[in-house]
Amino acid sequence: MTTMAHPHTARARMTHPVMTLPATMKALLALSASTEGHGVDHRTMELVHLRASKINGCSVCVDTHARDLRKGGESDERLFAVAAWRDAPWSDDAERAALAPTEAVTRIADSADPVPDDVRAGATRHYDEEALSALLVAIASVNVWNRLDVATRQPAGQLPG
Protein backbone atom coordinates (compact mmCIF):
# COMPACT_ATOMS: atom_id res chain seq x y z
CA MET A 1 0.00 0.00 0.00
CA THR A 2 1.34 3.41 -0.88
CA THR A 3 0.63 6.54 1.01
CA MET A 4 -0.02 9.87 -0.56
CA ALA A 5 1.68 12.96 0.79
CA HIS A 6 -0.56 15.68 2.11
CA PRO A 7 -0.96 18.20 -0.71
CA HIS A 8 0.54 20.96 1.43
CA THR A 9 3.73 19.01 2.13
CA ALA A 10 4.73 18.16 -1.43
CA ARG A 11 6.90 21.26 -1.58
CA ALA A 12 7.68 24.28 0.47
CA ARG A 13 5.60 27.43 0.20
CA MET A 14 8.74 29.44 -0.34
CA THR A 15 12.49 29.27 -0.07
CA HIS A 16 13.46 28.76 3.54
CA PRO A 17 13.97 32.19 5.14
CA VAL A 18 17.48 31.27 6.31
CA MET A 19 18.45 30.70 2.69
CA THR A 20 17.09 34.10 1.69
CA LEU A 21 18.70 35.78 4.70
CA PRO A 22 22.16 34.21 5.14
CA ALA A 23 22.89 36.34 8.21
CA THR A 24 19.85 34.74 9.85
CA MET A 25 21.22 31.26 9.12
CA LYS A 26 24.54 32.26 10.64
CA ALA A 27 22.85 33.78 13.69
CA LEU A 28 20.58 30.77 14.30
CA LEU A 29 23.44 28.30 13.92
CA ALA A 30 25.50 30.39 16.37
CA LEU A 31 22.56 30.51 18.79
CA SER A 32 22.20 26.73 18.66
CA ALA A 33 25.94 26.18 19.04
CA SER A 34 26.07 28.52 22.03
CA THR A 35 24.13 25.98 24.12
CA GLU A 36 26.64 23.16 23.75
CA GLY A 37 29.00 22.20 26.56
CA HIS A 38 27.19 23.95 29.39
CA GLY A 39 26.06 21.01 31.50
CA VAL A 40 23.18 19.49 29.54
CA ASP A 41 23.92 16.11 27.98
CA HIS A 42 23.83 16.12 24.15
CA ARG A 43 21.30 13.30 24.11
CA THR A 44 19.03 15.23 26.46
CA MET A 45 19.27 18.29 24.23
CA GLU A 46 18.26 16.17 21.24
CA LEU A 47 15.27 14.80 23.19
CA VAL A 48 14.33 18.41 24.04
CA HIS A 49 14.54 19.34 20.36
CA LEU A 50 12.46 16.32 19.38
CA ARG A 51 9.78 17.03 22.00
CA ALA A 52 9.39 20.69 21.08
CA SER A 53 9.30 19.77 17.39
CA LYS A 54 6.56 17.19 18.00
CA ILE A 55 4.50 19.75 19.94
CA ASN A 56 4.91 22.27 17.11
CA GLY A 57 4.21 19.74 14.35
CA CYS A 58 7.51 20.44 12.60
CA SER A 59 8.10 17.45 10.35
CA VAL A 60 11.56 18.66 9.33
CA CYS A 61 12.81 18.87 12.91
CA VAL A 62 11.03 15.71 14.08
CA ASP A 63 12.70 13.82 11.24
CA THR A 64 16.11 15.42 11.83
CA HIS A 65 16.24 14.96 15.60
CA ALA A 66 14.77 11.45 15.54
CA ARG A 67 17.40 10.43 12.96
CA ASP A 68 20.19 12.06 14.99
CA LEU A 69 19.04 10.25 18.13
CA ARG A 70 18.86 6.92 16.27
CA LYS A 71 22.40 7.46 14.94
CA GLY A 72 23.43 8.07 18.54
CA GLY A 73 22.03 4.69 19.56
CA GLU A 74 18.62 5.64 20.91
CA SER A 75 15.96 2.94 20.88
CA ASP A 76 12.69 3.21 19.02
CA GLU A 77 10.89 2.97 22.36
CA ARG A 78 12.53 6.18 23.60
CA LEU A 79 11.84 8.00 20.34
CA PHE A 80 8.21 6.92 20.25
CA ALA A 81 7.64 7.68 23.93
CA VAL A 82 9.13 11.19 24.01
CA ALA A 83 5.59 12.57 23.85
CA ALA A 84 4.68 10.49 26.92
CA TRP A 85 7.88 11.13 28.87
CA ARG A 86 6.11 11.61 32.21
CA ASP A 87 4.86 8.04 32.32
CA ALA A 88 7.27 6.18 30.05
CA PRO A 89 9.99 4.20 31.83
CA TRP A 90 12.65 5.20 29.30
CA SER A 91 13.26 8.74 30.60
CA ASP A 92 15.46 9.41 33.60
CA ASP A 93 14.89 12.19 36.15
CA ALA A 94 17.33 14.62 34.50
CA GLU A 95 15.63 14.15 31.12
CA ARG A 96 12.22 14.69 32.71
CA ALA A 97 13.58 17.83 34.37
CA ALA A 98 14.58 19.09 30.89
CA LEU A 99 11.41 17.99 29.10
CA ALA A 100 9.06 19.72 31.56
CA PRO A 101 10.34 23.23 30.77
CA THR A 102 10.52 22.26 27.09
CA GLU A 103 6.77 21.71 27.09
CA ALA A 104 6.06 24.74 29.26
CA VAL A 105 8.17 27.16 27.21
CA THR A 106 6.97 25.73 23.87
CA ARG A 107 3.33 26.07 24.97
CA ILE A 108 3.87 29.44 26.61
CA ALA A 109 0.51 30.85 25.43
CA ASP A 110 -1.49 27.93 26.83
CA SER A 111 -1.40 28.97 30.47
CA ALA A 112 -1.64 32.05 32.67
CA ASP A 113 1.42 30.70 34.50
CA PRO A 114 3.33 29.21 31.56
CA VAL A 115 6.44 28.09 33.44
CA PRO A 116 5.25 27.36 36.98
CA ASP A 117 7.56 27.29 39.97
CA ASP A 118 7.40 23.50 40.24
CA VAL A 119 8.73 23.11 36.68
CA ARG A 120 11.59 25.49 37.44
CA ALA A 121 12.28 23.78 40.77
CA GLY A 122 12.40 20.38 39.07
CA ALA A 123 14.89 21.67 36.55
CA THR A 124 17.12 23.29 39.18
CA ARG A 125 17.41 19.97 41.00
CA HIS A 126 19.34 18.64 38.00
CA TYR A 127 20.81 21.71 36.30
CA ASP A 128 22.79 24.65 37.66
CA GLU A 129 22.15 28.17 36.36
CA GLU A 130 24.54 27.80 33.42
CA ALA A 131 23.01 24.50 32.31
CA LEU A 132 19.47 25.79 32.81
CA SER A 133 20.36 28.88 30.76
CA ALA A 134 21.67 26.66 27.96
CA LEU A 135 18.53 24.53 28.14
CA LEU A 136 16.24 27.56 27.89
CA VAL A 137 18.19 28.99 24.95
CA ALA A 138 18.07 25.57 23.23
CA ILE A 139 14.30 25.43 23.72
CA ALA A 140 13.90 28.92 22.29
CA SER A 141 16.20 28.07 19.39
CA VAL A 142 14.38 24.91 18.33
CA ASN A 143 11.09 26.79 18.58
CA VAL A 144 12.44 29.40 16.13
CA TRP A 145 13.42 26.66 13.67
CA ASN A 146 10.04 24.94 14.14
CA ARG A 147 8.14 28.13 13.45
CA LEU A 148 10.14 28.96 10.32
CA ASP A 149 9.77 25.42 8.97
CA VAL A 150 6.05 25.16 9.73
CA ALA A 151 5.21 28.67 8.47
CA THR A 152 6.89 27.94 5.14
CA ARG A 153 5.77 24.27 5.04
CA GLN A 154 9.26 22.89 4.64
CA PRO A 155 9.00 19.19 3.81
CA ALA A 156 10.85 16.64 5.92
CA GLY A 157 13.99 15.28 4.32
CA GLN A 158 14.77 18.52 2.51
CA LEU A 159 16.82 20.60 4.93
CA PRO A 160 17.97 24.04 3.87
CA GLY A 161 21.64 24.47 3.11
C-alpha atoms as a PDB file:
ATOM      1  CA  MET A   1       0.000   0.000   0.000  1.00  0.00           C
ATOM      2  CA  THR A   2       1.339   3.408  -0.884  1.00  0.00           C
ATOM      3  CA  THR A   3       0.626   6.537   1.010  1.00  0.00           C
ATOM      4  CA  MET A   4      -0.020   9.865  -0.559  1.00  0.00           C
ATOM      5  CA  ALA A   5       1.677  12.955   0.790  1.00  0.00           C
ATOM      6  CA  HIS A   6      -0.563  15.681   2.112  1.00  0.00           C
ATOM      7  CA  PRO A   7      -0.958  18.196  -0.710  1.00  0.00           C
ATOM      8  CA  HIS A   8       0.537  20.955   1.434  1.00  0.00           C
ATOM      9  CA  THR A   9       3.726  19.014   2.134  1.00  0.00           C
ATOM     10  CA  ALA A  10       4.729  18.164  -1.433  1.00  0.00           C
ATOM     11  CA  ARG A  11       6.895  21.262  -1.585  1.00  0.00           C
ATOM     12  CA  ALA A  12       7.680  24.279   0.474  1.00  0.00           C
ATOM     13  CA  ARG A  13       5.595  27.432   0.198  1.00  0.00           C
ATOM     14  CA  MET A  14       8.741  29.438  -0.338  1.00  0.00           C
ATOM     15  CA  THR A  15      12.493  29.273  -0.073  1.00  0.00           C
ATOM     16  CA  HIS A  16      13.457  28.759   3.536  1.00  0.00           C
ATOM     17  CA  PRO A  17      13.973  32.190   5.141  1.00  0.00           C
ATOM     18  CA  VAL A  18      17.483  31.272   6.306  1.00  0.00           C
ATOM     19  CA  MET A  19      18.452  30.698   2.686  1.00  0.00           C
ATOM     20  CA  THR A  20      17.087  34.101   1.690  1.00  0.00           C
ATOM     21  CA  LEU A  21      18.700  35.784   4.697  1.00  0.00           C
ATOM     22  CA  PRO A  22      22.159  34.208   5.141  1.00  0.00           C
ATOM     23  CA  ALA A  23      22.891  36.336   8.212  1.00  0.00           C
ATOM     24  CA  THR A  24      19.853  34.745   9.850  1.00  0.00           C
ATOM     25  CA  MET A  25      21.219  31.260   9.120  1.00  0.00           C
ATOM     26  CA  LYS A  26      24.539  32.264  10.638  1.00  0.00           C
ATOM     27  CA  ALA A  27      22.851  33.776  13.690  1.00  0.00           C
ATOM     28  CA  LEU A  28      20.577  30.775  14.297  1.00  0.00           C
ATOM     29  CA  LEU A  29      23.441  28.305  13.919  1.00  0.00           C
ATOM     30  CA  ALA A  30      25.496  30.387  16.367  1.00  0.00           C
ATOM     31  CA  LEU A  31      22.560  30.510  18.793  1.00  0.00           C
ATOM     32  CA  SER A  32      22.202  26.731  18.662  1.00  0.00           C
ATOM     33  CA  ALA A  33      25.937  26.176  19.039  1.00  0.00           C
ATOM     34  CA  SER A  34      26.073  28.516  22.035  1.00  0.00           C
ATOM     35  CA  THR A  35      24.129  25.979  24.116  1.00  0.00           C
ATOM     36  CA  GLU A  36      26.645  23.159  23.750  1.00  0.00           C
ATOM     37  CA  GLY A  37      28.998  22.201  26.556  1.00  0.00           C
ATOM     38  CA  HIS A  38      27.189  23.946  29.393  1.00  0.00           C
ATOM     39  CA  GLY A  39      26.057  21.008  31.497  1.00  0.00           C
ATOM     40  CA  VAL A  40      23.180  19.485  29.540  1.00  0.00           C
ATOM     41  CA  ASP A  41      23.920  16.111  27.981  1.00  0.00           C
ATOM     42  CA  HIS A  42      23.833  16.123  24.151  1.00  0.00           C
ATOM     43  CA  ARG A  43      21.298  13.297  24.108  1.00  0.00           C
ATOM     44  CA  THR A  44      19.033  15.226  26.464  1.00  0.00           C
ATOM     45  CA  MET A  45      19.274  18.285  24.229  1.00  0.00           C
ATOM     46  CA  GLU A  46      18.264  16.167  21.242  1.00  0.00           C
ATOM     47  CA  LEU A  47      15.268  14.805  23.193  1.00  0.00           C
ATOM     48  CA  VAL A  48      14.333  18.406  24.043  1.00  0.00           C
ATOM     49  CA  HIS A  49      14.542  19.341  20.356  1.00  0.00           C
ATOM     50  CA  LEU A  50      12.464  16.323  19.376  1.00  0.00           C
ATOM     51  CA  ARG A  51       9.779  17.027  22.004  1.00  0.00           C
ATOM     52  CA  ALA A  52       9.386  20.694  21.082  1.00  0.00           C
ATOM     53  CA  SER A  53       9.295  19.772  17.391  1.00  0.00           C
ATOM     54  CA  LYS A  54       6.561  17.191  18.001  1.00  0.00           C
ATOM     55  CA  ILE A  55       4.504  19.746  19.936  1.00  0.00           C
ATOM     56  CA  ASN A  56       4.905  22.265  17.114  1.00  0.00           C
ATOM     57  CA  GLY A  57       4.212  19.744  14.355  1.00  0.00           C
ATOM     58  CA  CYS A  58       7.512  20.443  12.604  1.00  0.00           C
ATOM     59  CA  SER A  59       8.097  17.448  10.349  1.00  0.00           C
ATOM     60  CA  VAL A  60      11.563  18.661   9.331  1.00  0.00           C
ATOM     61  CA  CYS A  61      12.811  18.867  12.909  1.00  0.00           C
ATOM     62  CA  VAL A  62      11.029  15.707  14.081  1.00  0.00           C
ATOM     63  CA  ASP A  63      12.704  13.824  11.244  1.00  0.00           C
ATOM     64  CA  THR A  64      16.112  15.419  11.834  1.00  0.00           C
ATOM     65  CA  HIS A  65      16.242  14.957  15.601  1.00  0.00           C
ATOM     66  CA  ALA A  66      14.772  11.453  15.538  1.00  0.00           C
ATOM     67  CA  ARG A  67      17.401  10.433  12.960  1.00  0.00           C
ATOM     68  CA  ASP A  68      20.190  12.056  14.991  1.00  0.00           C
ATOM     69  CA  LEU A  69      19.039  10.251  18.134  1.00  0.00           C
ATOM     70  CA  ARG A  70      18.863   6.917  16.275  1.00  0.00           C
ATOM     71  CA  LYS A  71      22.397   7.455  14.937  1.00  0.00           C
ATOM     72  CA  GLY A  72      23.433   8.070  18.538  1.00  0.00           C
ATOM     73  CA  GLY A  73      22.034   4.693  19.562  1.00  0.00           C
ATOM     74  CA  GLU A  74      18.615   5.639  20.911  1.00  0.00           C
ATOM     75  CA  SER A  75      15.963   2.944  20.885  1.00  0.00           C
ATOM     76  CA  ASP A  76      12.694   3.207  19.016  1.00  0.00           C
ATOM     77  CA  GLU A  77      10.891   2.971  22.361  1.00  0.00           C
ATOM     78  CA  ARG A  78      12.531   6.178  23.596  1.00  0.00           C
ATOM     79  CA  LEU A  79      11.842   8.002  20.341  1.00  0.00           C
ATOM     80  CA  PHE A  80       8.209   6.922  20.251  1.00  0.00           C
ATOM     81  CA  ALA A  81       7.641   7.683  23.926  1.00  0.00           C
ATOM     82  CA  VAL A  82       9.129  11.186  24.007  1.00  0.00           C
ATOM     83  CA  ALA A  83       5.591  12.571  23.855  1.00  0.00           C
ATOM     84  CA  ALA A  84       4.684  10.489  26.925  1.00  0.00           C
ATOM     85  CA  TRP A  85       7.884  11.131  28.871  1.00  0.00           C
ATOM     86  CA  ARG A  86       6.109  11.613  32.206  1.00  0.00           C
ATOM     87  CA  ASP A  87       4.864   8.036  32.318  1.00  0.00           C
ATOM     88  CA  ALA A  88       7.268   6.180  30.052  1.00  0.00           C
ATOM     89  CA  PRO A  89       9.989   4.199  31.834  1.00  0.00           C
ATOM     90  CA  TRP A  90      12.647   5.200  29.302  1.00  0.00           C
ATOM     91  CA  SER A  91      13.261   8.739  30.602  1.00  0.00           C
ATOM     92  CA  ASP A  92      15.462   9.413  33.604  1.00  0.00           C
ATOM     93  CA  ASP A  93      14.895  12.187  36.151  1.00  0.00           C
ATOM     94  CA  ALA A  94      17.330  14.616  34.496  1.00  0.00           C
ATOM     95  CA  GLU A  95      15.626  14.146  31.120  1.00  0.00           C
ATOM     96  CA  ARG A  96      12.223  14.693  32.710  1.00  0.00           C
ATOM     97  CA  ALA A  97      13.582  17.834  34.370  1.00  0.00           C
ATOM     98  CA  ALA A  98      14.581  19.086  30.893  1.00  0.00           C
ATOM     99  CA  LEU A  99      11.412  17.986  29.102  1.00  0.00           C
ATOM    100  CA  ALA A 100       9.059  19.719  31.557  1.00  0.00           C
ATOM    101  CA  PRO A 101      10.336  23.232  30.772  1.00  0.00           C
ATOM    102  CA  THR A 102      10.518  22.256  27.092  1.00  0.00           C
ATOM    103  CA  GLU A 103       6.775  21.711  27.087  1.00  0.00           C
ATOM    104  CA  ALA A 104       6.062  24.743  29.262  1.00  0.00           C
ATOM    105  CA  VAL A 105       8.170  27.163  27.207  1.00  0.00           C
ATOM    106  CA  THR A 106       6.971  25.733  23.873  1.00  0.00           C
ATOM    107  CA  ARG A 107       3.333  26.068  24.973  1.00  0.00           C
ATOM    108  CA  ILE A 108       3.868  29.444  26.612  1.00  0.00           C
ATOM    109  CA  ALA A 109       0.513  30.854  25.433  1.00  0.00           C
ATOM    110  CA  ASP A 110      -1.491  27.927  26.825  1.00  0.00           C
ATOM    111  CA  SER A 111      -1.400  28.971  30.473  1.00  0.00           C
ATOM    112  CA  ALA A 112      -1.642  32.047  32.666  1.00  0.00           C
ATOM    113  CA  ASP A 113       1.421  30.697  34.498  1.00  0.00           C
ATOM    114  CA  PRO A 114       3.334  29.207  31.560  1.00  0.00           C
ATOM    115  CA  VAL A 115       6.438  28.091  33.442  1.00  0.00           C
ATOM    116  CA  PRO A 116       5.252  27.356  36.978  1.00  0.00           C
ATOM    117  CA  ASP A 117       7.558  27.290  39.967  1.00  0.00           C
ATOM    118  CA  ASP A 118       7.401  23.497  40.238  1.00  0.00           C
ATOM    119  CA  VAL A 119       8.728  23.112  36.678  1.00  0.00           C
ATOM    120  CA  ARG A 120      11.594  25.486  37.436  1.00  0.00           C
ATOM    121  CA  ALA A 121      12.280  23.782  40.774  1.00  0.00           C
ATOM    122  CA  GLY A 122      12.398  20.380  39.075  1.00  0.00           C
ATOM    123  CA  ALA A 123      14.886  21.666  36.547  1.00  0.00           C
ATOM    124  CA  THR A 124      17.115  23.294  39.181  1.00  0.00           C
ATOM    125  CA  ARG A 125      17.412  19.973  41.002  1.00  0.00           C
ATOM    126  CA  HIS A 126      19.340  18.645  38.003  1.00  0.00           C
ATOM    127  CA  TYR A 127      20.808  21.713  36.304  1.00  0.00           C
ATOM    128  CA  ASP A 128      22.794  24.652  37.657  1.00  0.00           C
ATOM    129  CA  GLU A 129      22.147  28.171  36.363  1.00  0.00           C
ATOM    130  CA  GLU A 130      24.540  27.803  33.420  1.00  0.00           C
ATOM    131  CA  ALA A 131      23.009  24.501  32.313  1.00  0.00           C
ATOM    132  CA  LEU A 132      19.472  25.786  32.808  1.00  0.00           C
ATOM    133  CA  SER A 133      20.356  28.876  30.764  1.00  0.00           C
ATOM    134  CA  ALA A 134      21.670  26.657  27.964  1.00  0.00           C
ATOM    135  CA  LEU A 135      18.532  24.532  28.139  1.00  0.00           C
ATOM    136  CA  LEU A 136      16.237  27.564  27.889  1.00  0.00           C
ATOM    137  CA  VAL A 137      18.189  28.992  24.952  1.00  0.00           C
ATOM    138  CA  ALA A 138      18.072  25.571  23.231  1.00  0.00           C
ATOM    139  CA  ILE A 139      14.297  25.425  23.719  1.00  0.00           C
ATOM    140  CA  ALA A 140      13.898  28.921  22.292  1.00  0.00           C
ATOM    141  CA  SER A 141      16.203  28.065  19.386  1.00  0.00           C
ATOM    142  CA  VAL A 142      14.376  24.906  18.332  1.00  0.00           C
ATOM    143  CA  ASN A 143      11.090  26.794  18.575  1.00  0.00           C
ATOM    144  CA  VAL A 144      12.444  29.397  16.130  1.00  0.00           C
ATOM    145  CA  TRP A 145      13.419  26.661  13.675  1.00  0.00           C
ATOM    146  CA  ASN A 146      10.036  24.942  14.140  1.00  0.00           C
ATOM    147  CA  ARG A 147       8.142  28.135  13.450  1.00  0.00           C
ATOM    148  CA  LEU A 148      10.141  28.963  10.323  1.00  0.00           C
ATOM    149  CA  ASP A 149       9.768  25.420   8.974  1.00  0.00           C
ATOM    150  CA  VAL A 150       6.049  25.158   9.726  1.00  0.00           C
ATOM    151  CA  ALA A 151       5.213  28.668   8.467  1.00  0.00           C
ATOM    152  CA  THR A 152       6.890  27.941   5.142  1.00  0.00           C
ATOM    153  CA  ARG A 153       5.774  24.275   5.036  1.00  0.00           C
ATOM    154  CA  GLN A 154       9.262  22.888   4.643  1.00  0.00           C
ATOM    155  CA  PRO A 155       8.997  19.185   3.809  1.00  0.00           C
ATOM    156  CA  ALA A 156      10.845  16.644   5.916  1.00  0.00           C
ATOM    157  CA  GLY A 157      13.987  15.276   4.323  1.00  0.00           C
ATOM    158  CA  GLN A 158      14.775  18.523   2.512  1.00  0.00           C
ATOM    159  CA  LEU A 159      16.822  20.598   4.931  1.00  0.00           C
ATOM    160  CA  PRO A 160      17.973  24.040   3.869  1.00  0.00           C
ATOM    161  CA  GLY A 161      21.637  24.472   3.111  1.00  0.00           C
END
